[in-house]
Amino acid sequence: MTPLPMATTTRSEKLDLRLSKQAKQMLRSAAAAAQRSVSEFVLESALSRAEETLADRRSFQLDGEQWAVFMEALDASPRELPRLKKLFQEKSIFENE
């Protein structure tokens, strides 16, 4: 996923948060070291972390051996799941009695 361009993106939403005095000072120091405003630093950091968090939910990479195992699992015959079969045979709680 491509990061949002900070300078060209219209920012119309606001996010408030509570933090300790020490946390705020650390953010100020880090923002100054990165030559960014605290808002820019926090937003860029949060968006970067959000992308990392969501990345494995969007795509994944496998080496050759892992790919072969994955394909074998996809091609395998379905397993018998007696408890699941029994569950689907029971009347749903959403059905009228």
C-alpha atoms as a PDB file:
ATOM      1  CA  MET A   1       0.000   0.000   0.000  1.00  0.00           C
ATOM      2  CA  THR A   2       1.328   3.431  -0.902  1.00  0.00           C
ATOM      3  CA  PRO A   3       1.497   5.939   1.957  1.00  0.00           C
ATOM      4  CA  LEU A   4      -0.754   8.949   1.713  1.00  0.00           C
ATOM      5  CA  PRO A   5       1.097  12.026   0.425  1.00  0.00           C
ATOM      6  CA  MET A   6       1.043  14.387   3.406  1.00  0.00           C
ATOM      7  CA  ALA A   7       1.292  17.666   1.498  1.00  0.00           C
ATOM      8  CA  THR A   8      -1.429  16.970  -1.068  1.00  0.00           C
ATOM      9  CA  THR A   9      -4.015  15.177   1.054  1.00  0.00           C
ATOM     10  CA  THR A  10      -6.816  17.374   2.371  1.00  0.00           C
ATOM     11  CA  ARG A  11      -7.055  16.846   6.094  1.00  0.00           C
ATOM     12  CA  SER A  12     -10.576  17.441   7.318  1.00  0.00           C
ATOM     13  CA  GLU A  13     -10.777  14.955  10.195  1.00  0.00           C
ATOM     14  CA  LYS A  14      -9.492  15.434  13.727  1.00  0.00           C
ATOM     15  CA  LEU A  15      -8.186  12.850  16.184  1.00  0.00           C
ATOM     16  CA  ASP A  16      -7.773  13.713  19.862  1.00  0.00           C
ATOM     17  CA  LEU A  17      -5.828  11.635  22.329  1.00  0.00           C
ATOM     18  CA  ARG A  18      -4.704  11.813  25.938  1.00  0.00           C
ATOM     19  CA  LEU A  19      -1.097  11.095  26.796  1.00  0.00           C
ATOM     20  CA  SER A  20       1.332  11.564  29.624  1.00  0.00           C
ATOM     21  CA  LYS A  21       3.648  14.545  29.876  1.00  0.00           C
ATOM     22  CA  GLN A  22       6.594  12.211  29.256  1.00  0.00           C
ATOM     23  CA  ALA A  23       4.998  10.731  26.134  1.00  0.00           C
ATOM     24  CA  LYS A  24       4.268  14.174  24.732  1.00  0.00           C
ATOM     25  CA  GLN A  25       7.865  15.278  25.372  1.00  0.00           C
ATOM     26  CA  MET A  26       9.188  12.160  23.650  1.00  0.00           C
ATOM     27  CA  LEU A  27       6.991  12.852  20.627  1.00  0.00           C
ATOM     28  CA  ARG A  28       8.176  16.475  20.530  1.00  0.00           C
ATOM     29  CA  SER A  29      11.806  15.355  20.675  1.00  0.00           C
ATOM     30  CA  ALA A  30      11.334  12.731  17.975  1.00  0.00           C
ATOM     31  CA  ALA A  31       9.446  15.170  15.751  1.00  0.00           C
ATOM     32  CA  ALA A  32      12.203  17.742  16.140  1.00  0.00           C
ATOM     33  CA  ALA A  33      14.833  15.106  15.294  1.00  0.00           C
ATOM     34  CA  ALA A  34      12.848  14.210  12.151  1.00  0.00           C
ATOM     35  CA  GLN A  35      12.372  17.922  11.336  1.00  0.00           C
ATOM     36  CA  ARG A  36       8.594  17.512  11.417  1.00  0.00           C
ATOM     37  CA  SER A  37       5.786  19.062  13.401  1.00  0.00           C
ATOM     38  CA  VAL A  38       4.443  16.857  16.169  1.00  0.00           C
ATOM     39  CA  SER A  39       1.204  16.410  14.185  1.00  0.00           C
ATOM     40  CA  GLU A  40       3.066  15.358  11.036  1.00  0.00           C
ATOM     41  CA  PHE A  41       5.336  13.020  12.986  1.00  0.00           C
ATOM     42  CA  VAL A  42       2.460  11.347  14.840  1.00  0.00           C
ATOM     43  CA  LEU A  43       0.325  11.014  11.705  1.00  0.00           C
ATOM     44  CA  GLU A  44       3.164   9.593   9.590  1.00  0.00           C
ATOM     45  CA  SER A  45       4.147   7.185  12.382  1.00  0.00           C
ATOM     46  CA  ALA A  46       0.579   6.054  12.981  1.00  0.00           C
ATOM     47  CA  LEU A  47      -0.109   5.526   9.276  1.00  0.00           C
ATOM     48  CA  SER A  48       3.127   3.567   8.873  1.00  0.00           C
ATOM     49  CA  ARG A  49       2.209   1.330  11.804  1.00  0.00           C
ATOM     50  CA  ALA A  50      -1.330   0.900  10.457  1.00  0.00           C
ATOM     51  CA  GLU A  51       0.061  -0.252   7.102  1.00  0.00           C
ATOM     52  CA  GLU A  52       2.330  -2.765   8.866  1.00  0.00           C
ATOM     53  CA  THR A  53      -0.573  -4.058  10.930  1.00  0.00           C
ATOM     54  CA  LEU A  54      -2.833  -4.500   7.907  1.00  0.00           C
ATOM     55  CA  ALA A  55      -0.195  -5.809   5.493  1.00  0.00           C
ATOM     56  CA  ASP A  56      -0.490  -9.472   6.450  1.00  0.00           C
ATOM     57  CA  ARG A  57      -4.244  -9.261   6.061  1.00  0.00           C
ATOM     58  CA  ARG A  58      -3.936  -8.101   2.445  1.00  0.00           C
ATOM     59  CA  SER A  59      -1.202 -10.297   1.021  1.00  0.00           C
ATOM     60  CA  PHE A  60       1.392 -12.820   2.018  1.00  0.00           C
ATOM     61  CA  GLN A  61       4.566 -14.177   0.482  1.00  0.00           C
ATOM     62  CA  LEU A  62       5.704 -17.782   0.316  1.00  0.00           C
ATOM     63  CA  ASP A  63       8.939 -19.363  -0.795  1.00  0.00           C
ATOM     64  CA  GLY A  64       8.856 -22.305  -3.227  1.00  0.00           C
ATOM     65  CA  GLU A  65       8.485 -24.987  -0.560  1.00  0.00           C
ATOM     66  CA  GLN A  66       5.779 -23.077   1.313  1.00  0.00           C
ATOM     67  CA  TRP A  67       3.932 -22.483  -1.973  1.00  0.00           C
ATOM     68  CA  ALA A  68       3.960 -26.221  -2.749  1.00  0.00           C
ATOM     69  CA  VAL A  69       2.553 -27.036   0.708  1.00  0.00           C
ATOM     70  CA  PHE A  70      -0.090 -24.319   0.295  1.00  0.00           C
ATOM     71  CA  MET A  71      -1.151 -25.612  -3.120  1.00  0.00           C
ATOM     72  CA  GLU A  72      -1.268 -29.176  -1.808  1.00  0.00           C
ATOM     73  CA  ALA A  73      -3.587 -28.042   0.982  1.00  0.00           C
ATOM     74  CA  LEU A  74      -5.854 -26.267  -1.522  1.00  0.00           C
ATOM     75  CA  ASP A  75      -5.968 -29.306  -3.802  1.00  0.00           C
ATOM     76  CA  ALA A  76      -6.614 -31.808  -0.990  1.00  0.00           C
ATOM     77  CA  SER A  77     -10.028 -33.418  -0.609  1.00  0.00           C
ATOM     78  CA  PRO A  78     -12.171 -31.879   2.073  1.00  0.00           C
ATOM     79  CA  ARG A  79     -11.915 -33.458   5.516  1.00  0.00           C
ATOM     80  CA  GLU A  80     -14.908 -34.964   7.242  1.00  0.00           C
ATOM     81  CA  LEU A  81     -15.933 -32.769  10.139  1.00  0.00           C
ATOM     82  CA  PRO A  82     -18.632 -34.695  12.013  1.00  0.00           C
ATOM     83  CA  ARG A  83     -19.284 -32.004  14.611  1.00  0.00           C
ATOM     84  CA  LEU A  84     -19.741 -29.366  11.916  1.00  0.00           C
ATOM     85  CA  LYS A  85     -22.027 -31.678   9.932  1.00  0.00           C
ATOM     86  CA  LYS A  86     -24.123 -32.262  13.064  1.00  0.00           C
ATOM     87  CA  LEU A  87     -24.301 -28.533  13.730  1.00  0.00           C
ATOM     88  CA  PHE A  88     -25.659 -27.842  10.240  1.00  0.00           C
ATOM     89  CA  GLN A  89     -28.302 -30.531  10.697  1.00  0.00           C
ATOM     90  CA  GLU A  90     -29.664 -28.860  13.827  1.00  0.00           C
ATOM     91  CA  LYS A  91     -32.462 -26.334  13.596  1.00  0.00           C
ATOM     92  CA  SER A  92     -31.229 -22.747  13.673  1.00  0.00           C
ATOM     93  CA  ILE A  93     -32.184 -20.529  16.577  1.00  0.00           C
ATOM     94  CA  PHE A  94     -33.362 -18.035  13.959  1.00  0.00           C
ATOM     95  CA  GLU A  95     -35.922 -20.423  12.460  1.00  0.00           C
ATOM     96  CA  ASN A  96     -39.524 -20.269  13.609  1.00  0.00           C
ATOM     97  CA  GLU A  97     -40.640 -23.175  15.723  1.00  0.00           C
END
